[in-house]
Amino acid sequence: MPDICARGDRADLMIVDPERLDTSLEAYPEAEVPAYGGMSRMVNRNDDTVTAVYVSGRKAVDHGVPTDIVGSSRTGQFLRAGSPGHPGRRQRRPP
């Protein structure tokens, strides 16, 4: 399979603590949403397991806390289905 990234490309990365890949991942975590009057909703995350998230090479989340770049600067982009770089795009295989 051909490489889809090259040196210098923007990258998204998450740092995982392998010691936290345990039964805590089966929990049903919830968080309050202030915009909805404090209503609680299920969140698909585990702040103890995923210790950091980088978007386009910049730290966006540190131990569950968004950094100053979240909401204040553009950290990424949406990819249309089928566009170059989209994970669902089929890669050509060499003959």
PDB file of N, CA and C in Angstrom:
ATOM      1  N   MET A   1       0.856  -1.176   0.000  1.00  0.00           N
ATOM      2  CA  MET A   1       0.000   0.000   0.000  1.00  0.00           C
ATOM      3  C   MET A   1       0.899   1.236   0.000  1.00  0.00           C
ATOM      4  N   PRO A   2       0.599   2.200  -0.829  1.00  0.00           N
ATOM      5  CA  PRO A   2       1.443   3.387  -0.891  1.00  0.00           C
ATOM      6  C   PRO A   2       1.280   4.255   0.353  1.00  0.00           C
ATOM      7  N   ASP A   3       2.334   5.003   0.676  1.00  0.00           N
ATOM      8  CA  ASP A   3       2.252   5.947   1.785  1.00  0.00           C
ATOM      9  C   ASP A   3       1.276   7.056   1.411  1.00  0.00           C
ATOM     10  N   ILE A   4       0.473   7.501   2.383  1.00  0.00           N
ATOM     11  CA  ILE A   4      -0.442   8.604   2.110  1.00  0.00           C
ATOM     12  C   ILE A   4       0.039   9.885   2.778  1.00  0.00           C
ATOM     13  N   CYS A   5       1.157   9.813   3.503  1.00  0.00           N
ATOM     14  CA  CYS A   5       1.729  10.987   4.144  1.00  0.00           C
ATOM     15  C   CYS A   5       3.174  11.144   3.706  1.00  0.00           C
ATOM     16  N   ALA A   6       3.620  12.350   3.697  1.00  0.00           N
ATOM     17  CA  ALA A   6       5.003  12.650   3.348  1.00  0.00           C
ATOM     18  C   ALA A   6       5.582  13.588   4.394  1.00  0.00           C
ATOM     19  N   ARG A   7       6.888  13.643   4.485  1.00  0.00           N
ATOM     20  CA  ARG A   7       7.552  14.535   5.418  1.00  0.00           C
ATOM     21  C   ARG A   7       7.054  15.960   5.181  1.00  0.00           C
ATOM     22  N   GLY A   8       6.708  16.647   6.266  1.00  0.00           N
ATOM     23  CA  GLY A   8       6.220  18.016   6.162  1.00  0.00           C
ATOM     24  C   GLY A   8       4.708  18.132   6.086  1.00  0.00           C
ATOM     25  N   ASP A   9       3.992  17.001   5.865  1.00  0.00           N
ATOM     26  CA  ASP A   9       2.529  17.043   5.851  1.00  0.00           C
ATOM     27  C   ASP A   9       2.008  17.376   7.250  1.00  0.00           C
ATOM     28  N   ARG A  10       0.812  17.971   7.287  1.00  0.00           N
ATOM     29  CA  ARG A  10       0.164  18.205   8.577  1.00  0.00           C
ATOM     30  C   ARG A  10      -0.278  16.866   9.134  1.00  0.00           C
ATOM     31  N   ALA A  11      -0.250  16.742  10.460  1.00  0.00           N
ATOM     32  CA  ALA A  11      -0.626  15.474  11.070  1.00  0.00           C
ATOM     33  C   ALA A  11      -1.512  15.692  12.284  1.00  0.00           C
ATOM     34  N   ASP A  12      -2.440  14.767  12.485  1.00  0.00           N
ATOM     35  CA  ASP A  12      -3.226  14.699  13.705  1.00  0.00           C
ATOM     36  C   ASP A  12      -2.692  13.507  14.484  1.00  0.00           C
ATOM     37  N   LEU A  13      -2.621  13.655  15.786  1.00  0.00           N
ATOM     38  CA  LEU A  13      -1.983  12.639  16.620  1.00  0.00           C
ATOM     39  C   LEU A  13      -2.656  12.616  17.971  1.00  0.00           C
ATOM     40  N   MET A  14      -2.798  11.435  18.538  1.00  0.00           N
ATOM     41  CA  MET A  14      -3.255  11.352  19.917  1.00  0.00           C
ATOM     42  C   MET A  14      -2.277  10.481  20.682  1.00  0.00           C
ATOM     43  N   ILE A  15      -2.013  10.869  21.919  1.00  0.00           N
ATOM     44  CA  ILE A  15      -1.088  10.153  22.782  1.00  0.00           C
ATOM     45  C   ILE A  15      -1.918   9.285  23.715  1.00  0.00           C
ATOM     46  N   VAL A  16      -1.653   7.978  23.699  1.00  0.00           N
ATOM     47  CA  VAL A  16      -2.400   7.009  24.493  1.00  0.00           C
ATOM     48  C   VAL A  16      -1.482   6.418  25.554  1.00  0.00           C
ATOM     49  N   ASP A  17      -1.967   6.358  26.791  1.00  0.00           N
ATOM     50  CA  ASP A  17      -1.249   5.699  27.879  1.00  0.00           C
ATOM     51  C   ASP A  17      -1.616   4.223  27.839  1.00  0.00           C
ATOM     52  N   PRO A  18      -0.707   3.345  27.395  1.00  0.00           N
ATOM     53  CA  PRO A  18      -1.059   1.931  27.238  1.00  0.00           C
ATOM     54  C   PRO A  18      -1.454   1.250  28.548  1.00  0.00           C
ATOM     55  N   GLU A  19      -1.000   1.764  29.676  1.00  0.00           N
ATOM     56  CA  GLU A  19      -1.380   1.166  30.963  1.00  0.00           C
ATOM     57  C   GLU A  19      -2.836   1.432  31.305  1.00  0.00           C
ATOM     58  N   ARG A  20      -3.469   2.397  30.611  1.00  0.00           N
ATOM     59  CA  ARG A  20      -4.879   2.717  30.858  1.00  0.00           C
ATOM     60  C   ARG A  20      -5.809   2.044  29.852  1.00  0.00           C
ATOM     61  N   LEU A  21      -5.284   1.138  29.047  1.00  0.00           N
ATOM     62  CA  LEU A  21      -6.127   0.353  28.142  1.00  0.00           C
ATOM     63  C   LEU A  21      -6.674  -0.823  28.952  1.00  0.00           C
ATOM     64  N   ASP A  22      -7.641  -0.530  29.792  1.00  0.00           N
ATOM     65  CA  ASP A  22      -8.167  -1.511  30.730  1.00  0.00           C
ATOM     66  C   ASP A  22      -9.692  -1.439  30.759  1.00  0.00           C
ATOM     67  N   THR A  23     -10.288  -1.993  31.781  1.00  0.00           N
ATOM     68  CA  THR A  23     -11.751  -2.029  31.862  1.00  0.00           C
ATOM     69  C   THR A  23     -12.377  -0.651  32.063  1.00  0.00           C
ATOM     70  N   SER A  24     -11.581   0.362  32.396  1.00  0.00           N
ATOM     71  CA  SER A  24     -12.149   1.710  32.532  1.00  0.00           C
ATOM     72  C   SER A  24     -12.696   2.208  31.201  1.00  0.00           C
ATOM     73  N   LEU A  25     -12.252   1.620  30.097  1.00  0.00           N
ATOM     74  CA  LEU A  25     -12.750   2.012  28.780  1.00  0.00           C
ATOM     75  C   LEU A  25     -14.196   1.582  28.552  1.00  0.00           C
ATOM     76  N   GLU A  26     -14.694   0.675  29.381  1.00  0.00           N
ATOM     77  CA  GLU A  26     -16.067   0.196  29.254  1.00  0.00           C
ATOM     78  C   GLU A  26     -17.062   1.100  29.986  1.00  0.00           C
ATOM     79  N   ALA A  27     -16.567   2.109  30.688  1.00  0.00           N
ATOM     80  CA  ALA A  27     -17.438   3.015  31.440  1.00  0.00           C
ATOM     81  C   ALA A  27     -18.317   3.827  30.497  1.00  0.00           C
ATOM     82  N   TYR A  28     -19.392   4.367  31.044  1.00  0.00           N
ATOM     83  CA  TYR A  28     -20.316   5.213  30.293  1.00  0.00           C
ATOM     84  C   TYR A  28     -20.127   6.643  30.790  1.00  0.00           C
ATOM     85  N   PRO A  29     -19.102   7.346  30.278  1.00  0.00           N
ATOM     86  CA  PRO A  29     -18.846   8.696  30.792  1.00  0.00           C
ATOM     87  C   PRO A  29     -19.859   9.707  30.271  1.00  0.00           C
ATOM     88  N   GLU A  30     -20.230  10.627  31.141  1.00  0.00           N
ATOM     89  CA  GLU A  30     -21.146  11.699  30.767  1.00  0.00           C
ATOM     90  C   GLU A  30     -20.522  13.038  31.132  1.00  0.00           C
ATOM     91  N   ALA A  31     -20.947  14.072  30.432  1.00  0.00           N
ATOM     92  CA  ALA A  31     -20.493  15.436  30.714  1.00  0.00           C
ATOM     93  C   ALA A  31     -21.675  16.375  30.577  1.00  0.00           C
ATOM     94  N   GLU A  32     -21.695  17.413  31.421  1.00  0.00           N
ATOM     95  CA  GLU A  32     -22.751  18.416  31.330  1.00  0.00           C
ATOM     96  C   GLU A  32     -22.462  19.356  30.164  1.00  0.00           C
ATOM     97  N   VAL A  33     -23.530  19.777  29.486  1.00  0.00           N
ATOM     98  CA  VAL A  33     -23.415  20.701  28.366  1.00  0.00           C
ATOM     99  C   VAL A  33     -24.041  22.024  28.788  1.00  0.00           C
ATOM    100  N   PRO A  34     -23.200  23.019  29.119  1.00  0.00           N
ATOM    101  CA  PRO A  34     -23.748  24.301  29.575  1.00  0.00           C
ATOM    102  C   PRO A  34     -24.717  24.930  28.577  1.00  0.00           C
ATOM    103  N   ALA A  35     -24.456  24.779  27.281  1.00  0.00           N
ATOM    104  CA  ALA A  35     -25.326  25.376  26.259  1.00  0.00           C
ATOM    105  C   ALA A  35     -26.726  24.773  26.264  1.00  0.00           C
ATOM    106  N   TYR A  36     -26.878  23.597  26.860  1.00  0.00           N
ATOM    107  CA  TYR A  36     -28.186  22.940  26.932  1.00  0.00           C
ATOM    108  C   TYR A  36     -28.722  22.932  28.363  1.00  0.00           C
ATOM    109  N   GLY A  37     -28.411  23.970  29.110  1.00  0.00           N
ATOM    110  CA  GLY A  37     -28.932  24.091  30.464  1.00  0.00           C
ATOM    111  C   GLY A  37     -28.356  23.082  31.438  1.00  0.00           C
ATOM    112  N   GLY A  38     -27.152  22.595  31.173  1.00  0.00           N
ATOM    113  CA  GLY A  38     -26.510  21.644  32.079  1.00  0.00           C
ATOM    114  C   GLY A  38     -26.936  20.204  31.857  1.00  0.00           C
ATOM    115  N   MET A  39     -27.704  19.959  30.797  1.00  0.00           N
ATOM    116  CA  MET A  39     -28.130  18.601  30.499  1.00  0.00           C
ATOM    117  C   MET A  39     -26.894  17.707  30.335  1.00  0.00           C
ATOM    118  N   SER A  40     -26.972  16.502  30.794  1.00  0.00           N
ATOM    119  CA  SER A  40     -25.857  15.564  30.709  1.00  0.00           C
ATOM    120  C   SER A  40     -25.956  14.761  29.422  1.00  0.00           C
ATOM    121  N   ARG A  41     -24.793  14.503  28.818  1.00  0.00           N
ATOM    122  CA  ARG A  41     -24.762  13.683  27.604  1.00  0.00           C
ATOM    123  C   ARG A  41     -23.579  12.734  27.671  1.00  0.00           C
ATOM    124  N   MET A  42     -23.692  11.637  26.960  1.00  0.00           N
ATOM    125  CA  MET A  42     -22.610  10.666  26.901  1.00  0.00           C
ATOM    126  C   MET A  42     -21.473  11.231  26.067  1.00  0.00           C
ATOM    127  N   VAL A  43     -20.243  11.067  26.517  1.00  0.00           N
ATOM    128  CA  VAL A  43     -19.075  11.508  25.761  1.00  0.00           C
ATOM    129  C   VAL A  43     -18.219  10.296  25.444  1.00  0.00           C
ATOM    130  N   ASN A  44     -17.706  10.268  24.245  1.00  0.00           N
ATOM    131  CA  ASN A  44     -16.909   9.135  23.790  1.00  0.00           C
ATOM    132  C   ASN A  44     -15.433   9.482  23.958  1.00  0.00           C
ATOM    133  N   ARG A  45     -14.991   9.488  25.199  1.00  0.00           N
ATOM    134  CA  ARG A  45     -13.594   9.804  25.466  1.00  0.00           C
ATOM    135  C   ARG A  45     -13.201   9.238  26.825  1.00  0.00           C
ATOM    136  N   ASN A  46     -11.916   9.118  27.032  1.00  0.00           N
ATOM    137  CA  ASN A  46     -11.379   8.686  28.308  1.00  0.00           C
ATOM    138  C   ASN A  46     -10.125   9.522  28.545  1.00  0.00           C
ATOM    139  N   ASP A  47     -10.258  10.568  29.342  1.00  0.00           N
ATOM    140  CA  ASP A  47      -9.177  11.524  29.540  1.00  0.00           C
ATOM    141  C   ASP A  47      -7.947  10.915  30.201  1.00  0.00           C
ATOM    142  N   ASP A  48      -8.108   9.821  30.947  1.00  0.00           N
ATOM    143  CA  ASP A  48      -6.955   9.172  31.570  1.00  0.00           C
ATOM    144  C   ASP A  48      -6.180   8.331  30.565  1.00  0.00           C
ATOM    145  N   THR A  49      -6.850   7.825  29.556  1.00  0.00           N
ATOM    146  CA  THR A  49      -6.195   6.980  28.551  1.00  0.00           C
ATOM    147  C   THR A  49      -5.583   7.825  27.441  1.00  0.00           C
ATOM    148  N   VAL A  50      -6.352   8.770  26.902  1.00  0.00           N
ATOM    149  CA  VAL A  50      -5.840   9.662  25.857  1.00  0.00           C
ATOM    150  C   VAL A  50      -5.336  10.913  26.570  1.00  0.00           C
ATOM    151  N   THR A  51      -4.007  11.033  26.695  1.00  0.00           N
ATOM    152  CA  THR A  51      -3.435  12.107  27.491  1.00  0.00           C
ATOM    153  C   THR A  51      -3.258  13.408  26.723  1.00  0.00           C
ATOM    154  N   ALA A  52      -3.190  13.334  25.381  1.00  0.00           N
ATOM    155  CA  ALA A  52      -3.033  14.555  24.589  1.00  0.00           C
ATOM    156  C   ALA A  52      -3.532  14.310  23.170  1.00  0.00           C
ATOM    157  N   VAL A  53      -4.031  15.382  22.554  1.00  0.00           N
ATOM    158  CA  VAL A  53      -4.465  15.328  21.163  1.00  0.00           C
ATOM    159  C   VAL A  53      -3.817  16.505  20.436  1.00  0.00           C
ATOM    160  N   TYR A  54      -3.207  16.206  19.300  1.00  0.00           N
ATOM    161  CA  TYR A  54      -2.596  17.228  18.455  1.00  0.00           C
ATOM    162  C   TYR A  54      -3.357  17.271  17.134  1.00  0.00           C
ATOM    163  N   VAL A  55      -3.702  18.469  16.681  1.00  0.00           N
ATOM    164  CA  VAL A  55      -4.378  18.653  15.406  1.00  0.00           C
ATOM    165  C   VAL A  55      -3.483  19.556  14.555  1.00  0.00           C
ATOM    166  N   SER A  56      -3.152  19.071  13.372  1.00  0.00           N
ATOM    167  CA  SER A  56      -2.232  19.782  12.490  1.00  0.00           C
ATOM    168  C   SER A  56      -0.923  20.120  13.204  1.00  0.00           C
ATOM    169  N   GLY A  57      -0.481  19.206  14.065  1.00  0.00           N
ATOM    170  CA  GLY A  57       0.790  19.367  14.759  1.00  0.00           C
ATOM    171  C   GLY A  57       0.760  20.291  15.960  1.00  0.00           C
ATOM    172  N   ARG A  58      -0.428  20.782  16.345  1.00  0.00           N
ATOM    173  CA  ARG A  58      -0.547  21.693  17.489  1.00  0.00           C
ATOM    174  C   ARG A  58      -1.383  21.032  18.574  1.00  0.00           C
ATOM    175  N   LYS A  59      -0.940  21.142  19.839  1.00  0.00           N
ATOM    176  CA  LYS A  59      -1.664  20.512  20.942  1.00  0.00           C
ATOM    177  C   LYS A  59      -3.025  21.168  21.107  1.00  0.00           C
ATOM    178  N   ALA A  60      -4.079  20.365  20.987  1.00  0.00           N
ATOM    179  CA  ALA A  60      -5.446  20.864  21.100  1.00  0.00           C
ATOM    180  C   ALA A  60      -6.088  20.469  22.423  1.00  0.00           C
ATOM    181  N   VAL A  61      -5.692  19.316  22.973  1.00  0.00           N
ATOM    182  CA  VAL A  61      -6.249  18.841  24.236  1.00  0.00           C
ATOM    183  C   VAL A  61      -5.112  18.274  25.078  1.00  0.00           C
ATOM    184  N   ASP A  62      -5.083  18.653  26.360  1.00  0.00           N
ATOM    185  CA  ASP A  62      -4.066  18.176  27.280  1.00  0.00           C
ATOM    186  C   ASP A  62      -4.748  17.606  28.517  1.00  0.00           C
ATOM    187  N   HIS A  63      -4.717  16.284  28.674  1.00  0.00           N
ATOM    188  CA  HIS A  63      -5.366  15.589  29.787  1.00  0.00           C
ATOM    189  C   HIS A  63      -6.832  16.009  29.936  1.00  0.00           C
ATOM    190  N   GLY A  64      -7.555  16.020  28.826  1.00  0.00           N
ATOM    191  CA  GLY A  64      -8.984  16.311  28.839  1.00  0.00           C
ATOM    192  C   GLY A  64      -9.344  17.782  28.820  1.00  0.00           C
ATOM    193  N   VAL A  65      -8.361  18.658  28.866  1.00  0.00           N
ATOM    194  CA  VAL A  65      -8.626  20.094  28.895  1.00  0.00           C
ATOM    195  C   VAL A  65      -8.244  20.713  27.549  1.00  0.00           C
ATOM    196  N   PRO A  66      -9.202  21.343  26.861  1.00  0.00           N
ATOM    197  CA  PRO A  66      -8.860  22.002  25.596  1.00  0.00           C
ATOM    198  C   PRO A  66      -7.823  23.101  25.831  1.00  0.00           C
ATOM    199  N   THR A  67      -6.879  23.231  24.919  1.00  0.00           N
ATOM    200  CA  THR A  67      -5.879  24.289  25.023  1.00  0.00           C
ATOM    201  C   THR A  67      -6.430  25.583  24.441  1.00  0.00           C
ATOM    202  N   ASP A  68      -5.643  26.647  24.522  1.00  0.00           N
ATOM    203  CA  ASP A  68      -6.083  27.969  24.060  1.00  0.00           C
ATOM    204  C   ASP A  68      -6.358  28.021  22.563  1.00  0.00           C
ATOM    205  N   ILE A  69      -5.804  27.088  21.777  1.00  0.00           N
ATOM    206  CA  ILE A  69      -6.035  27.157  20.330  1.00  0.00           C
ATOM    207  C   ILE A  69      -7.439  26.693  19.946  1.00  0.00           C
ATOM    208  N   VAL A  70      -8.081  25.893  20.794  1.00  0.00           N
ATOM    209  CA  VAL A  70      -9.419  25.390  20.484  1.00  0.00           C
ATOM    210  C   VAL A  70     -10.414  26.545  20.581  1.00  0.00           C
ATOM    211  N   GLY A  71     -11.087  26.801  19.493  1.00  0.00           N
ATOM    212  CA  GLY A  71     -12.079  27.866  19.444  1.00  0.00           C
ATOM    213  C   GLY A  71     -11.510  29.238  19.136  1.00  0.00           C
ATOM    214  N   SER A  72     -10.177  29.362  19.119  1.00  0.00           N
ATOM    215  CA  SER A  72      -9.596  30.673  18.842  1.00  0.00           C
ATOM    216  C   SER A  72      -8.818  30.708  17.534  1.00  0.00           C
ATOM    217  N   SER A  73      -8.457  29.540  17.026  1.00  0.00           N
ATOM    218  CA  SER A  73      -7.774  29.489  15.733  1.00  0.00           C
ATOM    219  C   SER A  73      -8.168  28.207  15.021  1.00  0.00           C
ATOM    220  N   ARG A  74      -8.011  28.218  13.734  1.00  0.00           N
ATOM    221  CA  ARG A  74      -8.380  27.050  12.944  1.00  0.00           C
ATOM    222  C   ARG A  74      -7.373  25.928  13.203  1.00  0.00           C
ATOM    223  N   THR A  75      -7.871  24.786  13.623  1.00  0.00           N
ATOM    224  CA  THR A  75      -6.971  23.683  13.969  1.00  0.00           C
ATOM    225  C   THR A  75      -7.010  22.548  12.969  1.00  0.00           C
ATOM    226  N   GLY A  76      -7.954  22.535  12.078  1.00  0.00           N
ATOM    227  CA  GLY A  76      -8.050  21.438  11.125  1.00  0.00           C
ATOM    228  C   GLY A  76      -9.044  21.778  10.037  1.00  0.00           C
ATOM    229  N   GLN A  77      -9.408  20.771   9.278  1.00  0.00           N
ATOM    230  CA  GLN A  77     -10.382  20.980   8.216  1.00  0.00           C
ATOM    231  C   GLN A  77     -11.189  19.713   8.029  1.00  0.00           C
ATOM    232  N   PHE A  78     -12.394  19.867   7.512  1.00  0.00           N
ATOM    233  CA  PHE A  78     -13.223  18.720   7.175  1.00  0.00           C
ATOM    234  C   PHE A  78     -12.846  18.260   5.776  1.00  0.00           C
ATOM    235  N   LEU A  79     -12.794  16.968   5.583  1.00  0.00           N
ATOM    236  CA  LEU A  79     -12.493  16.416   4.267  1.00  0.00           C
ATOM    237  C   LEU A  79     -13.771  15.825   3.686  1.00  0.00           C
ATOM    238  N   ARG A  80     -14.099  16.224   2.469  1.00  0.00           N
ATOM    239  CA  ARG A  80     -15.258  15.645   1.806  1.00  0.00           C
ATOM    240  C   ARG A  80     -14.970  14.185   1.477  1.00  0.00           C
ATOM    241  N   ALA A  81     -15.991  13.344   1.586  1.00  0.00           N
ATOM    242  CA  ALA A  81     -15.831  11.933   1.242  1.00  0.00           C
ATOM    243  C   ALA A  81     -15.313  11.819  -0.181  1.00  0.00           C
ATOM    244  N   GLY A  82     -14.302  11.015  -0.372  1.00  0.00           N
ATOM    245  CA  GLY A  82     -13.730  10.803  -1.692  1.00  0.00           C
ATOM    246  C   GLY A  82     -12.635  11.779  -2.064  1.00  0.00           C
ATOM    247  N   SER A  83     -12.411  12.819  -1.226  1.00  0.00           N
ATOM    248  CA  SER A  83     -11.357  13.777  -1.542  1.00  0.00           C
ATOM    249  C   SER A  83      -9.989  13.194  -1.176  1.00  0.00           C
ATOM    250  N   PRO A  84      -8.925  13.698  -1.800  1.00  0.00           N
ATOM    251  CA  PRO A  84      -7.587  13.214  -1.440  1.00  0.00           C
ATOM    252  C   PRO A  84      -7.336  13.410   0.059  1.00  0.00           C
ATOM    253  N   GLY A  85      -6.814  12.397   0.698  1.00  0.00           N
ATOM    254  CA  GLY A  85      -6.538  12.471   2.122  1.00  0.00           C
ATOM    255  C   GLY A  85      -7.659  11.974   2.998  1.00  0.00           C
ATOM    256  N   HIS A  86      -8.867  11.787   2.449  1.00  0.00           N
ATOM    257  CA  HIS A  86      -9.991  11.282   3.237  1.00  0.00           C
ATOM    258  C   HIS A  86      -9.745   9.809   3.546  1.00  0.00           C
ATOM    259  N   PRO A  87      -9.923   9.385   4.806  1.00  0.00           N
ATOM    260  CA  PRO A  87      -9.637   7.990   5.151  1.00  0.00           C
ATOM    261  C   PRO A  87     -10.504   6.980   4.411  1.00  0.00           C
ATOM    262  N   GLY A  88     -11.665   7.398   3.916  1.00  0.00           N
ATOM    263  CA  GLY A  88     -12.529   6.469   3.196  1.00  0.00           C
ATOM    264  C   GLY A  88     -12.217   6.362   1.717  1.00  0.00           C
ATOM    265  N   ARG A  89     -11.300   7.200   1.238  1.00  0.00           N
ATOM    266  CA  ARG A  89     -10.964   7.175  -0.190  1.00  0.00           C
ATOM    267  C   ARG A  89     -10.164   5.920  -0.495  1.00  0.00           C
ATOM    268  N   ARG A  90     -10.553   5.266  -1.559  1.00  0.00           N
ATOM    269  CA  ARG A  90      -9.834   4.054  -1.955  1.00  0.00           C
ATOM    270  C   ARG A  90      -8.500   4.428  -2.572  1.00  0.00           C
ATOM    271  N   GLN A  91      -7.468   3.762  -2.134  1.00  0.00           N
ATOM    272  CA  GLN A  91      -6.133   4.011  -2.653  1.00  0.00           C
ATOM    273  C   GLN A  91      -5.892   3.083  -3.848  1.00  0.00           C
ATOM    274  N   ARG A  92      -5.274   3.612  -4.873  1.00  0.00           N
ATOM    275  CA  ARG A  92      -4.911   2.767  -6.013  1.00  0.00           C
ATOM    276  C   ARG A  92      -3.773   1.843  -5.613  1.00  0.00           C
ATOM    277  N   ARG A  93      -3.892   0.631  -6.023  1.00  0.00           N
ATOM    278  CA  ARG A  93      -2.810  -0.310  -5.768  1.00  0.00           C
ATOM    279  C   ARG A  93      -1.952  -0.409  -7.016  1.00  0.00           C
ATOM    280  N   PRO A  94      -0.651  -0.508  -6.832  1.00  0.00           N
ATOM    281  CA  PRO A  94       0.216  -0.644  -8.002  1.00  0.00           C
ATOM    282  C   PRO A  94      -0.113  -1.922  -8.768  1.00  0.00           C
ATOM    283  N   PRO A  95       0.050  -1.914 -10.094  1.00  0.00           N
ATOM    284  CA  PRO A  95      -0.271  -3.120 -10.884  1.00  0.00           C
ATOM    285  C   PRO A  95       0.642  -4.283 -10.572  1.00  0.00           C
TER     286      PRO A  95
END
